[in-house]
PDB file of N, CA and C in Angstrom:
ATOM      1  N   MET A   1       0.835  -1.177   0.000  1.00  0.00           N
ATOM      2  CA  MET A   1       0.000   0.000   0.000  1.00  0.00           C
ATOM      3  C   MET A   1       0.887   1.252   0.000  1.00  0.00           C
ATOM      4  N   PHE A   2       0.511   2.194  -0.818  1.00  0.00           N
ATOM      5  CA  PHE A   2       1.269   3.432  -0.915  1.00  0.00           C
ATOM      6  C   PHE A   2       0.691   4.478   0.025  1.00  0.00           C
ATOM      7  N   THR A   3       1.570   5.143   0.730  1.00  0.00           N
ATOM      8  CA  THR A   3       1.159   6.267   1.562  1.00  0.00           C
ATOM      9  C   THR A   3       1.903   7.493   1.058  1.00  0.00           C
ATOM     10  N   LYS A   4       1.432   8.634   1.473  1.00  0.00           N
ATOM     11  CA  LYS A   4       2.091   9.877   1.065  1.00  0.00           C
ATOM     12  C   LYS A   4       3.558   9.884   1.492  1.00  0.00           C
ATOM     13  N   THR A   5       3.843   9.389   2.698  1.00  0.00           N
ATOM     14  CA  THR A   5       5.218   9.347   3.202  1.00  0.00           C
ATOM     15  C   THR A   5       6.076   8.420   2.353  1.00  0.00           C
ATOM     16  N   ASN A   6       5.546   7.232   2.008  1.00  0.00           N
ATOM     17  CA  ASN A   6       6.302   6.289   1.185  1.00  0.00           C
ATOM     18  C   ASN A   6       6.618   6.888  -0.174  1.00  0.00           C
ATOM     19  N   LEU A   7       5.641   7.545  -0.792  1.00  0.00           N
ATOM     20  CA  LEU A   7       5.862   8.153  -2.099  1.00  0.00           C
ATOM     21  C   LEU A   7       6.877   9.285  -2.011  1.00  0.00           C
ATOM     22  N   THR A   8       6.800  10.093  -0.966  1.00  0.00           N
ATOM     23  CA  THR A   8       7.750  11.188  -0.787  1.00  0.00           C
ATOM     24  C   THR A   8       9.156  10.641  -0.582  1.00  0.00           C
ATOM     25  N   ASN A   9       9.313   9.632   0.240  1.00  0.00           N
ATOM     26  CA  ASN A   9      10.621   9.033   0.480  1.00  0.00           C
ATOM     27  C   ASN A   9      11.179   8.418  -0.799  1.00  0.00           C
ATOM     28  N   ALA A  10      10.328   7.773  -1.581  1.00  0.00           N
ATOM     29  CA  ALA A  10      10.770   7.173  -2.843  1.00  0.00           C
ATOM     30  C   ALA A  10      11.213   8.260  -3.819  1.00  0.00           C
ATOM     31  N   ALA A  11      10.491   9.359  -3.861  1.00  0.00           N
ATOM     32  CA  ALA A  11      10.856  10.462  -4.759  1.00  0.00           C
ATOM     33  C   ALA A  11      12.192  11.066  -4.354  1.00  0.00           C
ATOM     34  N   ILE A  12      12.410  11.240  -3.072  1.00  0.00           N
ATOM     35  CA  ILE A  12      13.671  11.795  -2.587  1.00  0.00           C
ATOM     36  C   ILE A  12      14.815  10.835  -2.890  1.00  0.00           C
ATOM     37  N   ALA A  13      14.612   9.556  -2.658  1.00  0.00           N
ATOM     38  CA  ALA A  13      15.658   8.570  -2.951  1.00  0.00           C
ATOM     39  C   ALA A  13      15.976   8.560  -4.438  1.00  0.00           C
ATOM     40  N   GLY A  14      14.959   8.635  -5.277  1.00  0.00           N
ATOM     41  CA  GLY A  14      15.176   8.668  -6.729  1.00  0.00           C
ATOM     42  C   GLY A  14      15.950   9.904  -7.144  1.00  0.00           C
ATOM     43  N   PHE A  15      15.634  11.038  -6.552  1.00  0.00           N
ATOM     44  CA  PHE A  15      16.344  12.275  -6.876  1.00  0.00           C
ATOM     45  C   PHE A  15      17.796  12.194  -6.443  1.00  0.00           C
ATOM     46  N   GLN A  16      18.032  11.630  -5.261  1.00  0.00           N
ATOM     47  CA  GLN A  16      19.400  11.527  -4.768  1.00  0.00           C
ATOM     48  C   GLN A  16      20.238  10.596  -5.628  1.00  0.00           C
ATOM     49  N   MET A  17      19.634   9.640  -6.285  1.00  0.00           N
ATOM     50  CA  MET A  17      20.360   8.712  -7.126  1.00  0.00           C
ATOM     51  C   MET A  17      20.434   9.183  -8.579  1.00  0.00           C
ATOM     52  N   THR A  18      19.884  10.347  -8.874  1.00  0.00           N
ATOM     53  CA  THR A  18      19.988  10.872 -10.231  1.00  0.00           C
ATOM     54  C   THR A  18      21.452  11.114 -10.532  1.00  0.00           C
ATOM     55  N   PRO A  19      21.978  10.459 -11.582  1.00  0.00           N
ATOM     56  CA  PRO A  19      23.395  10.655 -11.869  1.00  0.00           C
ATOM     57  C   PRO A  19      23.690  12.100 -12.229  1.00  0.00           C
ATOM     58  N   GLY A  20      24.830  12.568 -11.811  1.00  0.00           N
ATOM     59  CA  GLY A  20      25.334  13.827 -12.304  1.00  0.00           C
ATOM     60  C   GLY A  20      24.812  15.097 -11.699  1.00  0.00           C
ATOM     61  N   ILE A  21      24.130  15.049 -10.569  1.00  0.00           N
ATOM     62  CA  ILE A  21      23.599  16.289 -10.006  1.00  0.00           C
ATOM     63  C   ILE A  21      24.707  17.324  -9.852  1.00  0.00           C
ATOM     64  N   ALA A  22      25.868  16.901  -9.391  1.00  0.00           N
ATOM     65  CA  ALA A  22      26.993  17.829  -9.255  1.00  0.00           C
ATOM     66  C   ALA A  22      27.402  18.372 -10.622  1.00  0.00           C
ATOM     67  N   ALA A  23      27.388  17.524 -11.651  1.00  0.00           N
ATOM     68  CA  ALA A  23      27.740  17.969 -13.002  1.00  0.00           C
ATOM     69  C   ALA A  23      26.742  19.001 -13.495  1.00  0.00           C
ATOM     70  N   PHE A  24      25.457  18.763 -13.257  1.00  0.00           N
ATOM     71  CA  PHE A  24      24.428  19.714 -13.700  1.00  0.00           C
ATOM     72  C   PHE A  24      24.654  21.074 -13.057  1.00  0.00           C
ATOM     73  N   ASP A  25      24.858  21.073 -11.739  1.00  0.00           N
ATOM     74  CA  ASP A  25      25.064  22.329 -11.012  1.00  0.00           C
ATOM     75  C   ASP A  25      26.332  23.038 -11.468  1.00  0.00           C
ATOM     76  N   GLU A  26      27.387  22.263 -11.688  1.00  0.00           N
ATOM     77  CA  GLU A  26      28.669  22.850 -12.102  1.00  0.00           C
ATOM     78  C   GLU A  26      28.531  23.534 -13.464  1.00  0.00           C
ATOM     79  N   ILE A  27      27.915  22.865 -14.414  1.00  0.00           N
ATOM     80  CA  ILE A  27      27.733  23.436 -15.753  1.00  0.00           C
ATOM     81  C   ILE A  27      26.817  24.655 -15.694  1.00  0.00           C
ATOM     82  N   ARG A  28      25.715  24.528 -14.962  1.00  0.00           N
ATOM     83  CA  ARG A  28      24.767  25.646 -14.852  1.00  0.00           C
ATOM     84  C   ARG A  28      25.440  26.871 -14.244  1.00  0.00           C
ATOM     85  N   ARG A  29      26.176  26.665 -13.179  1.00  0.00           N
ATOM     86  CA  ARG A  29      26.831  27.790 -12.484  1.00  0.00           C
ATOM     87  C   ARG A  29      27.924  28.418 -13.341  1.00  0.00           C
ATOM     88  N   LYS A  30      28.794  27.591 -13.915  1.00  0.00           N
ATOM     89  CA  LYS A  30      29.923  28.131 -14.669  1.00  0.00           C
ATOM     90  C   LYS A  30      29.504  28.780 -15.977  1.00  0.00           C
ATOM     91  N   MET A  31      28.425  28.296 -16.587  1.00  0.00           N
ATOM     92  CA  MET A  31      27.964  28.893 -17.844  1.00  0.00           C
ATOM     93  C   MET A  31      26.962  30.023 -17.614  1.00  0.00           C
ATOM     94  N   GLY A  32      26.521  30.211 -16.372  1.00  0.00           N
ATOM     95  CA  GLY A  32      25.554  31.273 -16.078  1.00  0.00           C
ATOM     96  C   GLY A  32      24.160  30.955 -16.578  1.00  0.00           C
ATOM     97  N   ILE A  33      23.794  29.686 -16.593  1.00  0.00           N
ATOM     98  CA  ILE A  33      22.461  29.265 -17.040  1.00  0.00           C
ATOM     99  C   ILE A  33      21.498  29.417 -15.870  1.00  0.00           C
ATOM    100  N   SER A  34      20.372  30.075 -16.097  1.00  0.00           N
ATOM    101  CA  SER A  34      19.456  30.362 -14.998  1.00  0.00           C
ATOM    102  C   SER A  34      18.407  29.277 -14.771  1.00  0.00           C
ATOM    103  N   HIS A  35      18.302  28.307 -15.653  1.00  0.00           N
ATOM    104  CA  HIS A  35      17.304  27.254 -15.467  1.00  0.00           C
ATOM    105  C   HIS A  35      17.983  25.905 -15.209  1.00  0.00           C
ATOM    106  N   ARG A  36      17.180  24.914 -14.938  1.00  0.00           N
ATOM    107  CA  ARG A  36      17.680  23.575 -14.622  1.00  0.00           C
ATOM    108  C   ARG A  36      18.416  22.963 -15.814  1.00  0.00           C
ATOM    109  N   VAL A  37      19.500  22.281 -15.532  1.00  0.00           N
ATOM    110  CA  VAL A  37      20.294  21.591 -16.553  1.00  0.00           C
ATOM    111  C   VAL A  37      20.190  20.094 -16.274  1.00  0.00           C
ATOM    112  N   PHE A  38      19.947  19.314 -17.329  1.00  0.00           N
ATOM    113  CA  PHE A  38      19.846  17.867 -17.178  1.00  0.00           C
ATOM    114  C   PHE A  38      20.301  17.184 -18.452  1.00  0.00           C
ATOM    115  N   PHE A  39      21.137  16.173 -18.320  1.00  0.00           N
ATOM    116  CA  PHE A  39      21.534  15.311 -19.428  1.00  0.00           C
ATOM    117  C   PHE A  39      21.930  13.967 -18.830  1.00  0.00           C
ATOM    118  N   GLN A  40      21.800  12.909 -19.626  1.00  0.00           N
ATOM    119  CA  GLN A  40      22.096  11.576 -19.119  1.00  0.00           C
ATOM    120  C   GLN A  40      23.313  10.939 -19.776  1.00  0.00           C
ATOM    121  N   ASN A  41      23.785  11.541 -20.879  1.00  0.00           N
ATOM    122  CA  ASN A  41      24.900  10.930 -21.605  1.00  0.00           C
ATOM    123  C   ASN A  41      25.613  12.001 -22.430  1.00  0.00           C
ATOM    124  N   LYS A  42      26.680  11.580 -23.117  1.00  0.00           N
ATOM    125  CA  LYS A  42      27.475  12.519 -23.911  1.00  0.00           C
ATOM    126  C   LYS A  42      26.652  13.189 -25.004  1.00  0.00           C
ATOM    127  N   LYS A  43      25.784  12.421 -25.658  1.00  0.00           N
ATOM    128  CA  LYS A  43      24.979  12.969 -26.749  1.00  0.00           C
ATOM    129  C   LYS A  43      24.060  14.078 -26.236  1.00  0.00           C
ATOM    130  N   GLU A  44      23.402  13.846 -25.111  1.00  0.00           N
ATOM    131  CA  GLU A  44      22.514  14.866 -24.551  1.00  0.00           C
ATOM    132  C   GLU A  44      23.288  16.097 -24.087  1.00  0.00           C
ATOM    133  N   LEU A  45      24.493  15.900 -23.551  1.00  0.00           N
ATOM    134  CA  LEU A  45      25.338  17.041 -23.182  1.00  0.00           C
ATOM    135  C   LEU A  45      25.664  17.860 -24.421  1.00  0.00           C
ATOM    136  N   SER A  46      26.028  17.187 -25.489  1.00  0.00           N
ATOM    137  CA  SER A  46      26.368  17.884 -26.726  1.00  0.00           C
ATOM    138  C   SER A  46      25.170  18.670 -27.257  1.00  0.00           C
ATOM    139  N   LEU A  47      23.976  18.071 -27.196  1.00  0.00           N
ATOM    140  CA  LEU A  47      22.759  18.770 -27.635  1.00  0.00           C
ATOM    141  C   LEU A  47      22.471  19.990 -26.760  1.00  0.00           C
ATOM    142  N   LEU A  48      22.686  19.853 -25.452  1.00  0.00           N
ATOM    143  CA  LEU A  48      22.498  20.984 -24.544  1.00  0.00           C
ATOM    144  C   LEU A  48      23.432  22.127 -24.929  1.00  0.00           C
ATOM    145  N   LEU A  49      24.699  21.811 -25.145  1.00  0.00           N
ATOM    146  CA  LEU A  49      25.669  22.853 -25.489  1.00  0.00           C
ATOM    147  C   LEU A  49      25.374  23.451 -26.867  1.00  0.00           C
ATOM    148  N   GLN A  50      24.904  22.653 -27.804  1.00  0.00           N
ATOM    149  CA  GLN A  50      24.521  23.169 -29.119  1.00  0.00           C
ATOM    150  C   GLN A  50      23.375  24.173 -28.992  1.00  0.00           C
ATOM    151  N   ALA A  51      22.469  23.931 -28.051  1.00  0.00           N
ATOM    152  CA  ALA A  51      21.356  24.862 -27.834  1.00  0.00           C
ATOM    153  C   ALA A  51      21.861  26.233 -27.385  1.00  0.00           C
ATOM    154  N   TYR A  52      23.053  26.270 -26.807  1.00  0.00           N
ATOM    155  CA  TYR A  52      23.680  27.528 -26.390  1.00  0.00           C
ATOM    156  C   TYR A  52      24.737  27.990 -27.389  1.00  0.00           C
ATOM    157  N   GLN A  53      24.635  27.494 -28.611  1.00  0.00           N
ATOM    158  CA  GLN A  53      25.494  27.894 -29.725  1.00  0.00           C
ATOM    159  C   GLN A  53      26.944  27.458 -29.567  1.00  0.00           C
ATOM    160  N   TYR A  54      27.189  26.374 -28.847  1.00  0.00           N
ATOM    161  CA  TYR A  54      28.537  25.816 -28.723  1.00  0.00           C
ATOM    162  C   TYR A  54      28.713  24.710 -29.749  1.00  0.00           C
ATOM    163  N   THR A  55      29.884  24.646 -30.327  1.00  0.00           N
ATOM    164  CA  THR A  55      30.205  23.567 -31.255  1.00  0.00           C
ATOM    165  C   THR A  55      31.432  22.837 -30.729  1.00  0.00           C
ATOM    166  N   ILE A  56      31.450  21.534 -30.968  1.00  0.00           N
ATOM    167  CA  ILE A  56      32.571  20.725 -30.510  1.00  0.00           C
ATOM    168  C   ILE A  56      33.810  21.133 -31.290  1.00  0.00           C
ATOM    169  N   GLU A  57      34.928  21.181 -30.627  1.00  0.00           N
ATOM    170  CA  GLU A  57      36.150  21.667 -31.242  1.00  0.00           C
ATOM    171  C   GLU A  57      37.183  20.566 -31.377  1.00  0.00           C
ATOM    172  N   ASP A  58      38.069  20.769 -32.308  1.00  0.00           N
ATOM    173  CA  ASP A  58      39.177  19.855 -32.543  1.00  0.00           C
ATOM    174  C   ASP A  58      40.069  19.804 -31.302  1.00  0.00           C
ATOM    175  N   LEU A  59      40.455  18.625 -30.896  1.00  0.00           N
ATOM    176  CA  LEU A  59      41.281  18.480 -29.697  1.00  0.00           C
ATOM    177  C   LEU A  59      42.666  19.095 -29.837  1.00  0.00           C
ATOM    178  N   PHE A  60      43.069  19.428 -31.046  1.00  0.00           N
ATOM    179  CA  PHE A  60      44.425  19.931 -31.243  1.00  0.00           C
ATOM    180  C   PHE A  60      44.484  21.449 -31.386  1.00  0.00           C
ATOM    181  N   ASP A  61      43.382  22.135 -31.124  1.00  0.00           N
ATOM    182  CA  ASP A  61      43.428  23.595 -31.134  1.00  0.00           C
ATOM    183  C   ASP A  61      44.364  24.080 -30.036  1.00  0.00           C
ATOM    184  N   THR A  62      44.949  25.227 -30.229  1.00  0.00           N
ATOM    185  CA  THR A  62      45.946  25.732 -29.282  1.00  0.00           C
ATOM    186  C   THR A  62      45.374  25.993 -27.900  1.00  0.00           C
ATOM    187  N   TRP A  63      44.068  26.251 -27.791  1.00  0.00           N
ATOM    188  CA  TRP A  63      43.476  26.549 -26.492  1.00  0.00           C
ATOM    189  C   TRP A  63      42.903  25.324 -25.805  1.00  0.00           C
ATOM    190  N   SER A  64      42.940  24.170 -26.459  1.00  0.00           N
ATOM    191  CA  SER A  64      42.365  22.960 -25.883  1.00  0.00           C
ATOM    192  C   SER A  64      43.159  22.504 -24.670  1.00  0.00           C
ATOM    193  N   ILE A  65      42.464  21.864 -23.754  1.00  0.00           N
ATOM    194  CA  ILE A  65      43.077  21.303 -22.557  1.00  0.00           C
ATOM    195  C   ILE A  65      43.231  19.804 -22.792  1.00  0.00           C
ATOM    196  N   PRO A  66      44.425  19.257 -22.585  1.00  0.00           N
ATOM    197  CA  PRO A  66      44.617  17.819 -22.796  1.00  0.00           C
ATOM    198  C   PRO A  66      43.631  16.986 -21.970  1.00  0.00           C
ATOM    199  N   ASN A  67      43.170  15.898 -22.541  1.00  0.00           N
ATOM    200  CA  ASN A  67      42.255  14.954 -21.888  1.00  0.00           C
ATOM    201  C   ASN A  67      40.899  15.558 -21.535  1.00  0.00           C
ATOM    202  N   MET A  68      40.498  16.593 -22.227  1.00  0.00           N
ATOM    203  CA  MET A  68      39.183  17.198 -22.033  1.00  0.00           C
ATOM    204  C   MET A  68      38.526  17.340 -23.402  1.00  0.00           C
ATOM    205  N   GLN A  69      37.198  17.254 -23.428  1.00  0.00           N
ATOM    206  CA  GLN A  69      36.459  17.549 -24.649  1.00  0.00           C
ATOM    207  C   GLN A  69      35.985  18.988 -24.541  1.00  0.00           C
ATOM    208  N   SER A  70      36.209  19.773 -25.578  1.00  0.00           N
ATOM    209  CA  SER A  70      35.893  21.202 -25.509  1.00  0.00           C
ATOM    210  C   SER A  70      34.861  21.597 -26.545  1.00  0.00           C
ATOM    211  N   TRP A  71      34.029  22.557 -26.162  1.00  0.00           N
ATOM    212  CA  TRP A  71      33.053  23.177 -27.041  1.00  0.00           C
ATOM    213  C   TRP A  71      33.294  24.679 -26.982  1.00  0.00           C
ATOM    214  N   LYS A  72      33.136  25.355 -28.105  1.00  0.00           N
ATOM    215  CA  LYS A  72      33.396  26.800 -28.181  1.00  0.00           C
ATOM    216  C   LYS A  72      32.211  27.467 -28.866  1.00  0.00           C
ATOM    217  N   ASN A  73      31.882  28.677 -28.420  1.00  0.00           N
ATOM    218  CA  ASN A  73      30.830  29.425 -29.114  1.00  0.00           C
ATOM    219  C   ASN A  73      31.444  30.604 -29.868  1.00  0.00           C
ATOM    220  N   ASN A  74      30.607  31.347 -30.585  1.00  0.00           N
ATOM    221  CA  ASN A  74      31.122  32.434 -31.422  1.00  0.00           C
ATOM    222  C   ASN A  74      31.534  33.669 -30.620  1.00  0.00           C
ATOM    223  N   GLN A  75      31.360  33.644 -29.305  1.00  0.00           N
ATOM    224  CA  GLN A  75      31.818  34.746 -28.453  1.00  0.00           C
ATOM    225  C   GLN A  75      33.089  34.357 -27.703  1.00  0.00           C
ATOM    226  N   ASN A  76      33.752  33.301 -28.210  1.00  0.00           N
ATOM    227  CA  ASN A  76      35.019  32.818 -27.657  1.00  0.00           C
ATOM    228  C   ASN A  76      34.922  32.312 -26.224  1.00  0.00           C
ATOM    229  N   SER A  77      33.750  31.825 -25.842  1.00  0.00           N
ATOM    230  CA  SER A  77      33.612  31.130 -24.563  1.00  0.00           C
ATOM    231  C   SER A  77      33.853  29.653 -24.827  1.00  0.00           C
ATOM    232  N   ILE A  78      34.552  29.005 -23.910  1.00  0.00           N
ATOM    233  CA  ILE A  78      34.911  27.604 -24.077  1.00  0.00           C
ATOM    234  C   ILE A  78      34.472  26.823 -22.843  1.00  0.00           C
ATOM    235  N   VAL A  79      33.791  25.716 -23.079  1.00  0.00           N
ATOM    236  CA  VAL A  79      33.423  24.783 -22.026  1.00  0.00           C
ATOM    237  C   VAL A  79      34.211  23.510 -22.288  1.00  0.00           C
ATOM    238  N   SER A  80      34.939  23.052 -21.283  1.00  0.00           N
ATOM    239  CA  SER A  80      35.713  21.813 -21.398  1.00  0.00           C
ATOM    240  C   SER A  80      35.213  20.843 -20.338  1.00  0.00           C
ATOM    241  N   ILE A  81      34.947  19.607 -20.771  1.00  0.00           N
ATOM    242  CA  ILE A  81      34.386  18.585 -19.895  1.00  0.00           C
ATOM    243  C   ILE A  81      35.324  17.382 -19.889  1.00  0.00           C
ATOM    244  N   SER A  82      35.602  16.874 -18.705  1.00  0.00           N
ATOM    245  CA  SER A  82      36.449  15.695 -18.574  1.00  0.00           C
ATOM    246  C   SER A  82      35.658  14.440 -18.937  1.00  0.00           C
ATOM    247  N   PRO A  83      36.277  13.516 -19.647  1.00  0.00           N
ATOM    248  CA  PRO A  83      35.605  12.248 -19.930  1.00  0.00           C
ATOM    249  C   PRO A  83      35.408  11.407 -18.663  1.00  0.00           C
ATOM    250  N   GLU A  84      36.022  11.802 -17.553  1.00  0.00           N
ATOM    251  CA  GLU A  84      35.878  11.089 -16.284  1.00  0.00           C
ATOM    252  C   GLU A  84      34.428  11.046 -15.799  1.00  0.00           C
ATOM    253  N   ILE A  85      33.591  11.975 -16.251  1.00  0.00           N
ATOM    254  CA  ILE A  85      32.217  12.011 -15.747  1.00  0.00           C
ATOM    255  C   ILE A  85      31.312  11.010 -16.467  1.00  0.00           C
ATOM    256  N   PHE A  86      31.836  10.353 -17.503  1.00  0.00           N
ATOM    257  CA  PHE A  86      31.051   9.379 -18.259  1.00  0.00           C
ATOM    258  C   PHE A  86      31.645   7.984 -18.125  1.00  0.00           C
ATOM    259  N   ASP A  87      30.790   6.972 -18.228  1.00  0.00           N
ATOM    260  CA  ASP A  87      31.296   5.597 -18.235  1.00  0.00           C
ATOM    261  C   ASP A  87      31.703   5.210 -19.654  1.00  0.00           C
ATOM    262  N   GLU A  88      32.108   3.953 -19.840  1.00  0.00           N
ATOM    263  CA  GLU A  88      32.598   3.487 -21.144  1.00  0.00           C
ATOM    264  C   GLU A  88      31.527   3.559 -22.234  1.00  0.00           C
ATOM    265  N   GLU A  89      30.272   3.531 -21.826  1.00  0.00           N
ATOM    266  CA  GLU A  89      29.156   3.578 -22.784  1.00  0.00           C
ATOM    267  C   GLU A  89      28.694   5.013 -23.055  1.00  0.00           C
ATOM    268  N   GLY A  90      29.347   5.987 -22.416  1.00  0.00           N
ATOM    269  CA  GLY A  90      28.980   7.385 -22.627  1.00  0.00           C
ATOM    270  C   GLY A  90      27.883   7.882 -21.708  1.00  0.00           C
ATOM    271  N   ARG A  91      27.494   7.069 -20.723  1.00  0.00           N
ATOM    272  CA  ARG A  91      26.461   7.472 -19.772  1.00  0.00           C
ATOM    273  C   ARG A  91      27.092   8.251 -18.622  1.00  0.00           C
ATOM    274  N   LEU A  92      26.358   9.213 -18.094  1.00  0.00           N
ATOM    275  CA  LEU A  92      26.829  10.014 -16.971  1.00  0.00           C
ATOM    276  C   LEU A  92      26.963   9.136 -15.731  1.00  0.00           C
ATOM    277  N   LYS A  93      28.095   9.236 -15.056  1.00  0.00           N
ATOM    278  CA  LYS A  93      28.330   8.469 -13.826  1.00  0.00           C
ATOM    279  C   LYS A  93      27.657   9.152 -12.640  1.00  0.00           C
ATOM    280  N   ILE A  94      27.430   8.380 -11.599  1.00  0.00           N
ATOM    281  CA  ILE A  94      26.886   8.914 -10.346  1.00  0.00           C
ATOM    282  C   ILE A  94      28.051   9.320  -9.451  1.00  0.00           C
ATOM    283  N   PHE A  95      27.987  10.557  -8.955  1.00  0.00           N
ATOM    284  CA  PHE A  95      29.003  11.063  -8.035  1.00  0.00           C
ATOM    285  C   PHE A  95      28.323  11.667  -6.821  1.00  0.00           C
ATOM    286  N   THR A  96      28.880  11.414  -5.658  1.00  0.00           N
ATOM    287  CA  THR A  96      28.413  12.131  -4.476  1.00  0.00           C
ATOM    288  C   THR A  96      29.085  13.501  -4.494  1.00  0.00           C
ATOM    289  N   PRO A  97      28.577  14.452  -3.742  1.00  0.00           N
ATOM    290  CA  PRO A  97      29.251  15.752  -3.680  1.00  0.00           C
ATOM    291  C   PRO A  97      30.708  15.637  -3.228  1.00  0.00           C
ATOM    292  N   VAL A  98      31.019  14.673  -2.381  1.00  0.00           N
ATOM    293  CA  VAL A  98      32.396  14.486  -1.907  1.00  0.00           C
ATOM    294  C   VAL A  98      33.288  13.978  -3.036  1.00  0.00           C
ATOM    295  N   GLU A  99      32.753  13.119  -3.901  1.00  0.00           N
ATOM    296  CA  GLU A  99      33.537  12.551  -4.997  1.00  0.00           C
ATOM    297  C   GLU A  99      33.731  13.534  -6.156  1.00  0.00           C
ATOM    298  N   TRP A 100      32.851  14.507  -6.272  1.00  0.00           N
ATOM    299  CA  TRP A 100      32.877  15.417  -7.410  1.00  0.00           C
ATOM    300  C   TRP A 100      34.138  16.278  -7.411  1.00  0.00           C
ATOM    301  N   ASN A 101      34.715  16.470  -8.596  1.00  0.00           N
ATOM    302  CA  ASN A 101      35.897  17.308  -8.773  1.00  0.00           C
ATOM    303  C   ASN A 101      35.503  18.493  -9.664  1.00  0.00           C
ATOM    304  N   GLN A 102      35.580  19.696  -9.155  1.00  0.00           N
ATOM    305  CA  GLN A 102      35.183  20.881  -9.919  1.00  0.00           C
ATOM    306  C   GLN A 102      36.009  21.067 -11.179  1.00  0.00           C
ATOM    307  N   GLU A 103      37.182  20.491 -11.229  1.00  0.00           N
ATOM    308  CA  GLU A 103      38.047  20.615 -12.406  1.00  0.00           C
ATOM    309  C   GLU A 103      37.562  19.770 -13.582  1.00  0.00           C
ATOM    310  N   TRP A 104      36.529  18.952 -13.374  1.00  0.00           N
ATOM    311  CA  TRP A 104      35.982  18.156 -14.466  1.00  0.00           C
ATOM    312  C   TRP A 104      35.142  19.000 -15.416  1.00  0.00           C
ATOM    313  N   VAL A 105      34.743  20.190 -14.989  1.00  0.00           N
ATOM    314  CA  VAL A 105      34.007  21.128 -15.852  1.00  0.00           C
ATOM    315  C   VAL A 105      34.725  22.467 -15.764  1.00  0.00           C
ATOM    316  N   LEU A 106      35.270  22.907 -16.889  1.00  0.00           N
ATOM    317  CA  LEU A 106      35.982  24.182 -16.922  1.00  0.00           C
ATOM    318  C   LEU A 106      35.281  25.113 -17.902  1.00  0.00           C
ATOM    319  N   PHE A 107      35.223  26.376 -17.549  1.00  0.00           N
ATOM    320  CA  PHE A 107      34.629  27.403 -18.413  1.00  0.00           C
ATOM    321  C   PHE A 107      35.590  28.574 -18.447  1.00  0.00           C
ATOM    322  N   ARG A 108      35.875  29.032 -19.639  1.00  0.00           N
ATOM    323  CA  ARG A 108      36.751  30.209 -19.747  1.00  0.00           C
ATOM    324  C   ARG A 108      36.396  30.999 -20.993  1.00  0.00           C
ATOM    325  N   LYS A 109      36.838  32.211 -20.987  1.00  0.00           N
ATOM    326  CA  LYS A 109      36.625  33.134 -22.100  1.00  0.00           C
ATOM    327  C   LYS A 109      37.984  33.436 -22.697  1.00  0.00           C
ATOM    328  N   LEU A 110      38.130  33.205 -23.991  1.00  0.00           N
ATOM    329  CA  LEU A 110      39.392  33.521 -24.666  1.00  0.00           C
ATOM    330  C   LEU A 110      39.507  35.022 -24.852  1.00  0.00           C
ATOM    331  N   GLU A 111      40.644  35.537 -24.528  1.00  0.00           N
ATOM    332  CA  GLU A 111      40.922  36.945 -24.775  1.00  0.00           C
ATOM    333  C   GLU A 111      41.617  37.036 -26.126  1.00  0.00           C
ATOM    334  N   ILE A 112      40.921  37.543 -27.094  1.00  0.00           N
ATOM    335  CA  ILE A 112      41.467  37.678 -28.445  1.00  0.00           C
ATOM    336  C   ILE A 112      41.959  39.109 -28.612  1.00  0.00           C
ATOM    337  N   ALA A 113      43.235  39.246 -28.933  1.00  0.00           N
ATOM    338  CA  ALA A 113      43.801  40.587 -29.159  1.00  0.00           C
ATOM    339  C   ALA A 113      43.195  41.182 -30.408  1.00  0.00           C
ATOM    340  N   PRO A 114      42.818  42.452 -30.354  1.00  0.00           N
ATOM    341  CA  PRO A 114      42.275  43.072 -31.545  1.00  0.00           C
ATOM    342  C   PRO A 114      43.357  43.194 -32.630  1.00  0.00           C
ATOM    343  N   PRO A 115      42.955  43.158 -33.881  1.00  0.00           N
ATOM    344  CA  PRO A 115      43.957  43.307 -34.940  1.00  0.00           C
ATOM    345  C   PRO A 115      44.585  44.702 -34.874  1.00  0.00           C
ATOM    346  N   PRO A 116      45.833  44.809 -35.310  1.00  0.00           N
ATOM    347  CA  PRO A 116      46.470  46.142 -35.270  1.00  0.00           C
ATOM    348  C   PRO A 116      45.765  47.069 -36.253  1.00  0.00           C
ATOM    349  N   PRO A 117      45.768  48.357 -35.954  1.00  0.00           N
ATOM    350  CA  PRO A 117      45.155  49.317 -36.879  1.00  0.00           C
ATOM    351  C   PRO A 117      45.865  49.257 -38.239  1.00  0.00           C
ATOM    352  N   GLU A 118      45.079  49.486 -39.277  1.00  0.00           N
ATOM    353  CA  GLU A 118      45.637  49.386 -40.628  1.00  0.00           C
ATOM    354  C   GLU A 118      46.465  50.615 -41.015  1.00  0.00           C
ATOM    355  N   ASP A 119      46.289  51.721 -40.318  1.00  0.00           N
ATOM    356  CA  ASP A 119      46.976  52.950 -40.725  1.00  0.00           C
ATOM    357  C   ASP A 119      48.276  53.189 -39.935  1.00  0.00           C
ATOM    358  N   VAL A 120      48.826  52.165 -39.324  1.00  0.00           N
ATOM    359  CA  VAL A 120      50.077  52.319 -38.593  1.00  0.00           C
ATOM    360  C   VAL A 120      51.229  52.209 -39.579  1.00  0.00           C
ATOM    361  N   PRO A 121      52.106  53.241 -39.652  1.00  0.00           N
ATOM    362  CA  PRO A 121      53.231  53.164 -40.580  1.00  0.00           C
ATOM    363  C   PRO A 121      54.237  52.109 -40.120  1.00  0.00           C
ATOM    364  N   LEU A 122      54.846  51.466 -41.090  1.00  0.00           N
ATOM    365  CA  LEU A 122      55.870  50.475 -40.771  1.00  0.00           C
ATOM    366  C   LEU A 122      57.166  51.158 -40.767  1.00  0.00           C
TER     367      LEU A 122
END
C-alpha cells in the first residue's frame, strides 16, 4: 500500500540517485544558465551545449586542454568537460558531492587581441 510518506521518500531517494547532479550544477553555475540543466549521456550534453550555440572543437586547437572535450561558441567562450564524468558507454556516472571534482568542468573566455590598426606606418 502506498502512503504519502512512502511516495515522498521514494521520490527523494530517486532524486538523490539521479546521476550527475553535481555535473548539472557545475555546468549551470559556470555557464551562467538560470534554469535547470539535465543530461544523461554525452549525446545529450552535446545537444544541450549546441542549444547555447557551442560547437565541438578539434582536440588539437591551441586553447584545448589535454584529456578534455571542448566546445566553443562564437563569443570565444569555451566549455571543457572531462571524460571522467562518463562511463565506457557514454552514460553520466553517479558522483556524491564528496567525490565530485570541480576541475571536471571548466569554463573560460578567450581573450582575443584586436587586430592592429591598418593605418600604422611600418
